[in-house]
Amino acid sequence: MGMEESRLPEPVPALVPYWLNAATEGDRGGQPQPGDEGTSPCARLAQVLLVEDNHINQVVALEFLSLMGVQARLARNGLEALTACAEAAPDLVLMDIQMPGMDGLECARRLRAQQRDGSLPNFPILALTAHALDADVAASLEAGMDEHLTKPLDFIALRSRLQRWLKLPDPS
């Protein structure tokens, strides 16, 4: 029996995860993008795209990101991730490897190709997977990922890794 949405706890309003939704996401026109000069850290929350097909992993990761003070969007596979990045480039992508439709390795290759041709700005892509063998790490890096994180997610480890790439708000 699945958990009904009406039974989910209400998130803190200032830290609500930003779900992938074309109707609300459409135009970020005037918003600063990664690397913009003169943008103070408090001007906007870091934008993270979580690419994950497993509902439980989505809930855990989005809650962690919310607690870290980042704005998160969700894509459920590589195809949705490509669309989300084209609509509004994130500051960072957390990419699952095994997903239906298009896996994370192929998606990372395509995102990096779009960055090379100038159709997307550069942003880090971090693999987020249960696969932890040396060959898995090598495959992630070869596909263009910047780092390889393993599941299950650990809040402190995730925060530490994200701080390498993003300016996170100080924990209160």
N, C-alpha and C. Protein backbone atom coordinates (compact mmCIF):
# COMPACT_ATOMS: atom_id res chain seq x y z
N MET A 1 0.84 -1.16 0.00
CA MET A 1 0.00 0.00 0.00
C MET A 1 0.89 1.24 0.00
N GLY A 2 0.68 2.16 -0.94
CA GLY A 2 1.53 3.34 -1.05
C GLY A 2 1.09 4.46 -0.14
N MET A 3 1.99 5.37 0.13
CA MET A 3 1.68 6.52 0.97
C MET A 3 0.92 7.54 0.13
N GLU A 4 -0.21 7.99 0.60
CA GLU A 4 -0.99 8.98 -0.12
C GLU A 4 -0.34 10.35 0.08
N GLU A 5 -0.40 11.18 -1.00
CA GLU A 5 0.20 12.50 -0.92
C GLU A 5 -0.39 13.31 0.22
N SER A 6 -1.69 13.14 0.51
CA SER A 6 -2.33 13.92 1.56
C SER A 6 -1.78 13.59 2.94
N ARG A 7 -1.09 12.46 3.07
CA ARG A 7 -0.53 12.07 4.36
C ARG A 7 0.92 12.51 4.52
N LEU A 8 1.51 13.07 3.47
CA LEU A 8 2.90 13.52 3.58
C LEU A 8 2.97 14.75 4.47
N PRO A 9 4.02 14.92 5.26
CA PRO A 9 4.14 16.10 6.12
C PRO A 9 4.33 17.35 5.28
N GLU A 10 3.85 18.47 5.80
CA GLU A 10 4.01 19.75 5.13
C GLU A 10 5.46 20.23 5.27
N PRO A 11 6.13 20.59 4.16
CA PRO A 11 7.51 21.08 4.27
C PRO A 11 7.53 22.52 4.78
N VAL A 12 8.68 22.95 5.26
CA VAL A 12 8.87 24.33 5.69
C VAL A 12 8.74 25.22 4.46
N PRO A 13 7.88 26.25 4.47
CA PRO A 13 7.61 27.04 3.28
C PRO A 13 8.85 27.58 2.58
N ALA A 14 9.85 28.06 3.30
CA ALA A 14 11.03 28.65 2.66
C ALA A 14 11.91 27.60 2.00
N LEU A 15 11.72 26.34 2.34
CA LEU A 15 12.59 25.30 1.83
C LEU A 15 11.84 24.25 1.02
N VAL A 16 10.69 24.62 0.45
CA VAL A 16 9.88 23.66 -0.29
C VAL A 16 10.64 23.19 -1.52
N PRO A 17 10.75 21.86 -1.72
CA PRO A 17 11.40 21.38 -2.95
C PRO A 17 10.66 21.89 -4.17
N TYR A 18 11.39 22.28 -5.17
CA TYR A 18 10.84 22.82 -6.40
C TYR A 18 10.70 21.67 -7.38
N TRP A 19 9.50 21.11 -7.49
CA TRP A 19 9.28 19.94 -8.33
C TRP A 19 9.26 20.32 -9.79
N LEU A 20 9.72 19.42 -10.63
CA LEU A 20 9.72 19.62 -12.07
C LEU A 20 8.28 19.73 -12.53
N ASN A 21 7.92 20.90 -13.05
CA ASN A 21 6.56 21.13 -13.50
C ASN A 21 6.60 22.24 -14.54
N ALA A 22 6.36 21.88 -15.78
CA ALA A 22 6.46 22.83 -16.88
C ALA A 22 5.53 24.02 -16.68
N ALA A 23 4.38 23.81 -16.05
CA ALA A 23 3.43 24.89 -15.87
C ALA A 23 3.98 25.97 -14.93
N THR A 24 4.75 25.59 -13.92
CA THR A 24 5.27 26.58 -12.99
C THR A 24 6.71 26.95 -13.28
N GLU A 25 7.39 26.14 -14.05
CA GLU A 25 8.80 26.36 -14.26
C GLU A 25 9.11 27.22 -15.46
N GLY A 26 8.30 27.14 -16.47
CA GLY A 26 8.47 27.80 -17.75
C GLY A 26 9.56 28.83 -17.86
N ASP A 27 9.38 30.04 -17.31
CA ASP A 27 10.30 31.13 -17.57
C ASP A 27 11.02 31.55 -16.30
N ARG A 28 12.32 31.38 -16.29
CA ARG A 28 13.14 31.90 -15.19
C ARG A 28 13.87 33.13 -15.68
N GLY A 29 13.42 33.67 -16.81
CA GLY A 29 14.04 34.77 -17.53
C GLY A 29 14.99 35.65 -16.76
N GLY A 30 14.48 36.41 -15.77
CA GLY A 30 15.33 37.37 -15.10
C GLY A 30 16.15 36.82 -13.97
N GLN A 31 16.02 35.55 -13.66
CA GLN A 31 16.78 34.99 -12.54
C GLN A 31 18.25 34.85 -12.90
N PRO A 32 19.12 35.11 -11.95
CA PRO A 32 20.54 34.92 -12.20
C PRO A 32 20.85 33.45 -12.47
N GLN A 33 21.85 33.23 -13.26
CA GLN A 33 22.28 31.88 -13.59
C GLN A 33 23.61 31.59 -12.90
N PRO A 34 24.00 30.31 -12.85
CA PRO A 34 25.27 29.97 -12.20
C PRO A 34 26.42 30.79 -12.79
N GLY A 35 27.27 31.27 -11.89
CA GLY A 35 28.44 32.01 -12.34
C GLY A 35 28.19 33.49 -12.54
N ASP A 36 26.94 33.98 -12.38
CA ASP A 36 26.67 35.39 -12.54
C ASP A 36 27.47 36.18 -11.52
N GLU A 37 28.11 37.25 -11.99
CA GLU A 37 28.88 38.11 -11.11
C GLU A 37 27.95 38.98 -10.29
N GLY A 38 28.34 39.29 -9.08
CA GLY A 38 27.60 40.22 -8.26
C GLY A 38 26.38 39.62 -7.56
N THR A 39 26.14 38.35 -7.72
CA THR A 39 25.01 37.72 -7.07
C THR A 39 25.42 37.34 -5.65
N SER A 40 24.74 37.90 -4.67
CA SER A 40 25.08 37.55 -3.30
C SER A 40 24.55 36.16 -2.99
N PRO A 41 25.18 35.43 -2.06
CA PRO A 41 24.73 34.09 -1.73
C PRO A 41 23.29 34.06 -1.24
N CYS A 42 22.81 35.15 -0.65
CA CYS A 42 21.45 35.19 -0.14
C CYS A 42 20.44 35.58 -1.21
N ALA A 43 20.91 36.01 -2.39
CA ALA A 43 20.02 36.48 -3.43
C ALA A 43 19.10 35.38 -3.93
N ARG A 44 19.58 34.15 -4.00
CA ARG A 44 18.75 33.04 -4.44
C ARG A 44 19.34 31.74 -3.91
N LEU A 45 18.51 30.76 -3.83
CA LEU A 45 18.95 29.44 -3.39
C LEU A 45 19.64 28.73 -4.56
N ALA A 46 20.60 27.90 -4.25
CA ALA A 46 21.22 27.08 -5.28
C ALA A 46 20.15 26.17 -5.89
N GLN A 47 20.24 25.96 -7.19
CA GLN A 47 19.27 25.14 -7.93
C GLN A 47 19.89 23.78 -8.22
N VAL A 48 19.28 22.72 -7.70
CA VAL A 48 19.77 21.35 -7.92
C VAL A 48 18.69 20.56 -8.64
N LEU A 49 19.10 19.85 -9.68
CA LEU A 49 18.20 18.94 -10.36
C LEU A 49 18.52 17.53 -9.89
N LEU A 50 17.54 16.89 -9.26
CA LEU A 50 17.67 15.50 -8.84
C LEU A 50 17.07 14.63 -9.94
N VAL A 51 17.88 13.71 -10.46
CA VAL A 51 17.41 12.79 -11.49
C VAL A 51 17.38 11.40 -10.85
N GLU A 52 16.17 10.95 -10.54
CA GLU A 52 16.00 9.72 -9.75
C GLU A 52 14.64 9.11 -10.07
N ASP A 53 14.61 7.80 -10.31
CA ASP A 53 13.34 7.14 -10.64
C ASP A 53 12.68 6.47 -9.45
N ASN A 54 13.38 6.23 -8.36
CA ASN A 54 12.83 5.52 -7.21
C ASN A 54 12.16 6.52 -6.26
N HIS A 55 10.88 6.28 -5.95
CA HIS A 55 10.12 7.22 -5.13
C HIS A 55 10.72 7.43 -3.74
N ILE A 56 11.12 6.38 -3.09
CA ILE A 56 11.70 6.51 -1.74
C ILE A 56 12.99 7.32 -1.81
N ASN A 57 13.85 7.04 -2.78
CA ASN A 57 15.08 7.81 -2.94
C ASN A 57 14.78 9.28 -3.26
N GLN A 58 13.73 9.52 -4.03
CA GLN A 58 13.33 10.90 -4.34
C GLN A 58 12.96 11.64 -3.06
N VAL A 59 12.12 11.02 -2.24
CA VAL A 59 11.66 11.66 -1.00
C VAL A 59 12.84 11.98 -0.08
N VAL A 60 13.73 11.00 0.10
CA VAL A 60 14.88 11.19 0.99
C VAL A 60 15.80 12.29 0.45
N ALA A 61 16.16 12.21 -0.82
CA ALA A 61 17.08 13.18 -1.40
C ALA A 61 16.48 14.58 -1.41
N LEU A 62 15.21 14.70 -1.77
CA LEU A 62 14.59 16.03 -1.79
C LEU A 62 14.49 16.62 -0.39
N GLU A 63 14.23 15.79 0.60
CA GLU A 63 14.19 16.28 1.98
C GLU A 63 15.58 16.75 2.42
N PHE A 64 16.60 15.96 2.11
CA PHE A 64 17.97 16.37 2.44
C PHE A 64 18.31 17.70 1.78
N LEU A 65 18.00 17.83 0.50
CA LEU A 65 18.31 19.07 -0.22
C LEU A 65 17.56 20.25 0.38
N SER A 66 16.32 20.03 0.74
CA SER A 66 15.52 21.08 1.37
C SER A 66 16.15 21.51 2.69
N LEU A 67 16.56 20.53 3.50
CA LEU A 67 17.20 20.85 4.78
C LEU A 67 18.52 21.59 4.60
N MET A 68 19.17 21.37 3.47
CA MET A 68 20.44 22.07 3.18
C MET A 68 20.21 23.47 2.65
N GLY A 69 18.97 23.82 2.38
CA GLY A 69 18.66 25.16 1.90
C GLY A 69 18.85 25.34 0.41
N VAL A 70 18.71 24.27 -0.35
CA VAL A 70 18.78 24.40 -1.81
C VAL A 70 17.40 24.17 -2.40
N GLN A 71 17.18 24.73 -3.56
CA GLN A 71 15.93 24.54 -4.26
C GLN A 71 16.11 23.36 -5.20
N ALA A 72 15.26 22.36 -5.07
CA ALA A 72 15.42 21.14 -5.85
C ALA A 72 14.27 20.94 -6.81
N ARG A 73 14.62 20.44 -7.98
CA ARG A 73 13.64 20.01 -8.98
C ARG A 73 13.86 18.53 -9.20
N LEU A 74 12.85 17.86 -9.71
CA LEU A 74 12.92 16.42 -9.90
C LEU A 74 12.71 16.06 -11.35
N ALA A 75 13.55 15.17 -11.84
CA ALA A 75 13.35 14.52 -13.13
C ALA A 75 13.41 13.03 -12.84
N ARG A 76 12.52 12.27 -13.45
CA ARG A 76 12.41 10.84 -13.13
C ARG A 76 13.25 9.94 -14.03
N ASN A 77 13.88 10.49 -15.05
CA ASN A 77 14.77 9.72 -15.92
C ASN A 77 15.61 10.69 -16.74
N GLY A 78 16.50 10.13 -17.56
CA GLY A 78 17.40 10.96 -18.34
C GLY A 78 16.70 11.88 -19.33
N LEU A 79 15.62 11.40 -19.95
CA LEU A 79 14.89 12.24 -20.91
C LEU A 79 14.28 13.45 -20.23
N GLU A 80 13.68 13.25 -19.06
CA GLU A 80 13.13 14.38 -18.31
C GLU A 80 14.24 15.33 -17.87
N ALA A 81 15.40 14.80 -17.55
CA ALA A 81 16.53 15.64 -17.13
C ALA A 81 16.99 16.53 -18.27
N LEU A 82 17.09 15.99 -19.48
CA LEU A 82 17.49 16.80 -20.63
C LEU A 82 16.50 17.95 -20.84
N THR A 83 15.22 17.66 -20.74
CA THR A 83 14.20 18.69 -20.90
C THR A 83 14.31 19.74 -19.81
N ALA A 84 14.47 19.28 -18.56
CA ALA A 84 14.56 20.21 -17.43
C ALA A 84 15.77 21.14 -17.56
N CYS A 85 16.90 20.59 -17.98
CA CYS A 85 18.11 21.40 -18.13
C CYS A 85 17.96 22.40 -19.27
N ALA A 86 17.28 22.01 -20.34
CA ALA A 86 17.05 22.92 -21.46
C ALA A 86 16.12 24.06 -21.06
N GLU A 87 15.14 23.77 -20.21
CA GLU A 87 14.20 24.79 -19.77
C GLU A 87 14.85 25.77 -18.79
N ALA A 88 15.66 25.27 -17.88
CA ALA A 88 16.31 26.11 -16.87
C ALA A 88 17.53 25.36 -16.35
N ALA A 89 18.70 25.80 -16.77
CA ALA A 89 19.93 25.12 -16.37
C ALA A 89 20.10 25.18 -14.85
N PRO A 90 20.37 24.04 -14.22
CA PRO A 90 20.58 24.02 -12.77
C PRO A 90 22.01 24.44 -12.42
N ASP A 91 22.26 24.62 -11.14
CA ASP A 91 23.61 24.86 -10.65
C ASP A 91 24.37 23.55 -10.52
N LEU A 92 23.61 22.44 -10.34
CA LEU A 92 24.22 21.13 -10.13
C LEU A 92 23.16 20.06 -10.42
N VAL A 93 23.61 18.91 -10.93
CA VAL A 93 22.72 17.77 -11.18
C VAL A 93 23.20 16.60 -10.33
N LEU A 94 22.26 15.99 -9.59
CA LEU A 94 22.49 14.72 -8.91
C LEU A 94 21.83 13.66 -9.78
N MET A 95 22.63 12.75 -10.36
CA MET A 95 22.15 11.84 -11.40
C MET A 95 22.24 10.39 -10.98
N ASP A 96 21.07 9.74 -10.90
CA ASP A 96 21.04 8.29 -10.73
C ASP A 96 21.60 7.67 -12.00
N ILE A 97 22.11 6.45 -11.90
CA ILE A 97 22.68 5.79 -13.08
C ILE A 97 21.66 4.90 -13.77
N GLN A 98 21.02 4.03 -13.02
CA GLN A 98 20.07 3.09 -13.64
C GLN A 98 18.66 3.65 -13.56
N MET A 99 18.12 3.99 -14.73
CA MET A 99 16.75 4.50 -14.82
C MET A 99 16.14 4.02 -16.12
N PRO A 100 14.82 3.94 -16.18
CA PRO A 100 14.16 3.55 -17.43
C PRO A 100 14.25 4.67 -18.47
N GLY A 101 14.12 4.30 -19.71
CA GLY A 101 14.13 5.29 -20.79
C GLY A 101 15.55 5.65 -21.19
N MET A 102 16.18 6.51 -20.43
CA MET A 102 17.57 6.90 -20.67
C MET A 102 18.29 6.86 -19.33
N ASP A 103 19.37 6.11 -19.27
CA ASP A 103 20.11 6.01 -18.01
C ASP A 103 20.95 7.26 -17.76
N GLY A 104 21.50 7.33 -16.57
CA GLY A 104 22.27 8.50 -16.17
C GLY A 104 23.56 8.70 -16.93
N LEU A 105 24.20 7.62 -17.34
CA LEU A 105 25.45 7.75 -18.09
C LEU A 105 25.20 8.40 -19.45
N GLU A 106 24.18 7.93 -20.15
CA GLU A 106 23.85 8.51 -21.46
C GLU A 106 23.39 9.95 -21.31
N CYS A 107 22.61 10.22 -20.29
CA CYS A 107 22.16 11.58 -20.06
C CYS A 107 23.34 12.51 -19.79
N ALA A 108 24.28 12.08 -18.97
CA ALA A 108 25.47 12.90 -18.69
C ALA A 108 26.25 13.17 -19.97
N ARG A 109 26.42 12.14 -20.82
CA ARG A 109 27.11 12.34 -22.10
C ARG A 109 26.41 13.41 -22.94
N ARG A 110 25.10 13.35 -23.00
CA ARG A 110 24.34 14.32 -23.81
C ARG A 110 24.40 15.73 -23.22
N LEU A 111 24.32 15.82 -21.89
CA LEU A 111 24.43 17.14 -21.26
C LEU A 111 25.81 17.74 -21.52
N ARG A 112 26.85 16.93 -21.40
CA ARG A 112 28.21 17.44 -21.65
C ARG A 112 28.38 17.85 -23.12
N ALA A 113 27.77 17.12 -24.04
CA ALA A 113 27.84 17.51 -25.46
C ALA A 113 27.15 18.85 -25.67
N GLN A 114 26.01 19.07 -25.03
CA GLN A 114 25.31 20.35 -25.14
C GLN A 114 26.12 21.48 -24.51
N GLN A 115 26.84 21.17 -23.44
CA GLN A 115 27.69 22.19 -22.83
C GLN A 115 28.86 22.53 -23.76
N ARG A 116 29.43 21.51 -24.40
CA ARG A 116 30.54 21.77 -25.33
C ARG A 116 30.11 22.60 -26.52
N ASP A 117 28.89 22.38 -27.02
CA ASP A 117 28.44 23.15 -28.19
C ASP A 117 27.84 24.50 -27.81
N GLY A 118 27.81 24.80 -26.51
CA GLY A 118 27.37 26.11 -26.06
C GLY A 118 25.87 26.25 -25.85
N SER A 119 25.11 25.18 -26.00
CA SER A 119 23.67 25.30 -25.81
C SER A 119 23.25 25.19 -24.33
N LEU A 120 24.18 24.77 -23.47
CA LEU A 120 23.95 24.74 -22.03
C LEU A 120 25.17 25.31 -21.32
N PRO A 121 24.97 26.03 -20.21
CA PRO A 121 26.12 26.47 -19.43
C PRO A 121 26.73 25.27 -18.69
N ASN A 122 27.96 25.43 -18.25
CA ASN A 122 28.60 24.35 -17.49
C ASN A 122 28.01 24.28 -16.08
N PHE A 123 27.82 23.07 -15.61
CA PHE A 123 27.41 22.81 -14.23
C PHE A 123 27.90 21.41 -13.88
N PRO A 124 28.19 21.18 -12.61
CA PRO A 124 28.65 19.86 -12.20
C PRO A 124 27.53 18.82 -12.25
N ILE A 125 27.92 17.59 -12.55
CA ILE A 125 27.01 16.45 -12.54
C ILE A 125 27.62 15.41 -11.61
N LEU A 126 26.87 15.05 -10.58
CA LEU A 126 27.35 14.07 -9.61
C LEU A 126 26.52 12.80 -9.73
N ALA A 127 27.21 11.69 -9.97
CA ALA A 127 26.53 10.40 -10.01
C ALA A 127 26.03 10.07 -8.62
N LEU A 128 24.84 9.50 -8.55
CA LEU A 128 24.24 9.12 -7.29
C LEU A 128 23.66 7.73 -7.49
N THR A 129 24.39 6.71 -7.03
CA THR A 129 24.04 5.35 -7.37
C THR A 129 24.42 4.36 -6.28
N ALA A 130 23.80 3.20 -6.32
CA ALA A 130 24.17 2.12 -5.41
C ALA A 130 25.41 1.37 -5.90
N HIS A 131 25.79 1.60 -7.14
CA HIS A 131 26.94 0.91 -7.72
C HIS A 131 28.24 1.57 -7.26
N ALA A 132 29.06 0.82 -6.54
CA ALA A 132 30.24 1.40 -5.90
C ALA A 132 31.56 0.76 -6.32
N LEU A 133 31.54 -0.15 -7.30
CA LEU A 133 32.79 -0.77 -7.74
C LEU A 133 33.66 0.24 -8.48
N ASP A 134 34.96 -0.03 -8.53
CA ASP A 134 35.88 0.86 -9.25
C ASP A 134 35.45 1.04 -10.70
N ALA A 135 34.95 -0.03 -11.32
CA ALA A 135 34.49 0.05 -12.71
C ALA A 135 33.28 0.99 -12.84
N ASP A 136 32.42 1.01 -11.83
CA ASP A 136 31.25 1.89 -11.84
C ASP A 136 31.68 3.35 -11.72
N VAL A 137 32.62 3.61 -10.84
CA VAL A 137 33.15 4.97 -10.68
C VAL A 137 33.80 5.42 -11.98
N ALA A 138 34.61 4.55 -12.58
CA ALA A 138 35.27 4.87 -13.84
C ALA A 138 34.26 5.16 -14.94
N ALA A 139 33.18 4.38 -15.02
CA ALA A 139 32.15 4.59 -16.04
C ALA A 139 31.46 5.95 -15.85
N SER A 140 31.21 6.32 -14.59
CA SER A 140 30.60 7.62 -14.31
C SER A 140 31.51 8.76 -14.75
N LEU A 141 32.77 8.67 -14.38
CA LEU A 141 33.71 9.72 -14.74
C LEU A 141 33.91 9.79 -16.25
N GLU A 142 33.96 8.64 -16.90
CA GLU A 142 34.12 8.59 -18.35
C GLU A 142 32.92 9.21 -19.07
N ALA A 143 31.74 9.08 -18.50
CA ALA A 143 30.53 9.65 -19.09
C ALA A 143 30.44 11.16 -18.88
N GLY A 144 31.32 11.72 -18.03
CA GLY A 144 31.33 13.16 -17.83
C GLY A 144 30.89 13.61 -16.45
N MET A 145 30.67 12.67 -15.56
CA MET A 145 30.29 13.05 -14.19
C MET A 145 31.52 13.64 -13.49
N ASP A 146 31.27 14.55 -12.57
CA ASP A 146 32.36 15.16 -11.82
C ASP A 146 32.72 14.38 -10.57
N GLU A 147 31.74 13.69 -9.99
CA GLU A 147 31.97 12.87 -8.80
C GLU A 147 31.02 11.69 -8.84
N HIS A 148 31.28 10.72 -7.97
CA HIS A 148 30.48 9.50 -7.88
C HIS A 148 30.12 9.28 -6.42
N LEU A 149 28.85 9.51 -6.07
CA LEU A 149 28.37 9.30 -4.70
C LEU A 149 27.57 8.01 -4.67
N THR A 150 27.64 7.32 -3.54
CA THR A 150 26.92 6.05 -3.43
C THR A 150 25.73 6.16 -2.49
N LYS A 151 24.74 5.34 -2.78
CA LYS A 151 23.55 5.20 -1.94
C LYS A 151 23.80 4.05 -0.98
N PRO A 152 23.15 4.00 0.14
CA PRO A 152 22.12 4.94 0.57
C PRO A 152 22.73 6.30 0.92
N LEU A 153 21.92 7.33 0.73
CA LEU A 153 22.37 8.69 0.98
C LEU A 153 22.66 8.92 2.45
N ASP A 154 23.72 9.62 2.71
CA ASP A 154 24.09 10.04 4.05
C ASP A 154 24.07 11.57 4.03
N PHE A 155 23.30 12.18 4.90
CA PHE A 155 23.12 13.64 4.89
C PHE A 155 24.45 14.38 4.97
N ILE A 156 25.29 14.01 5.92
CA ILE A 156 26.55 14.73 6.12
C ILE A 156 27.48 14.56 4.92
N ALA A 157 27.56 13.35 4.39
CA ALA A 157 28.41 13.12 3.21
C ALA A 157 27.88 13.90 2.01
N LEU A 158 26.57 13.91 1.81
CA LEU A 158 25.99 14.65 0.68
C LEU A 158 26.26 16.14 0.84
N ARG A 159 26.04 16.66 2.02
CA ARG A 159 26.29 18.09 2.25
C ARG A 159 27.76 18.44 2.00
N SER A 160 28.65 17.60 2.46
CA SER A 160 30.08 17.82 2.24
C SER A 160 30.42 17.86 0.75
N ARG A 161 29.86 16.94 -0.01
CA ARG A 161 30.11 16.90 -1.46
C ARG A 161 29.50 18.11 -2.16
N LEU A 162 28.29 18.47 -1.78
CA LEU A 162 27.65 19.62 -2.43
C LEU A 162 28.39 20.91 -2.13
N GLN A 163 28.97 21.02 -0.93
CA GLN A 163 29.71 22.23 -0.58
C GLN A 163 30.95 22.42 -1.44
N ARG A 164 31.43 21.37 -2.06
CA ARG A 164 32.55 21.50 -3.00
C ARG A 164 32.14 22.29 -4.24
N TRP A 165 30.86 22.21 -4.59
CA TRP A 165 30.38 22.75 -5.86
C TRP A 165 29.44 23.93 -5.71
N LEU A 166 28.79 24.07 -4.57
CA LEU A 166 27.76 25.10 -4.38
C LEU A 166 28.04 25.90 -3.12
N LYS A 167 27.53 27.11 -3.09
CA LYS A 167 27.53 27.91 -1.88
C LYS A 167 26.23 27.59 -1.15
N LEU A 168 26.33 26.82 -0.07
CA LEU A 168 25.17 26.43 0.71
C LEU A 168 24.99 27.40 1.87
N PRO A 169 23.73 27.67 2.25
CA PRO A 169 23.50 28.52 3.42
C PRO A 169 24.10 27.88 4.66
N ASP A 170 24.52 28.71 5.59
CA ASP A 170 25.02 28.19 6.86
C ASP A 170 23.90 27.51 7.60
N PRO A 171 24.14 26.32 8.18
CA PRO A 171 23.08 25.66 8.94
C PRO A 171 22.73 26.50 10.17
N SER A 172 21.47 26.56 10.45
CA SER A 172 21.02 27.37 11.62
C SER A 172 20.75 26.50 12.79
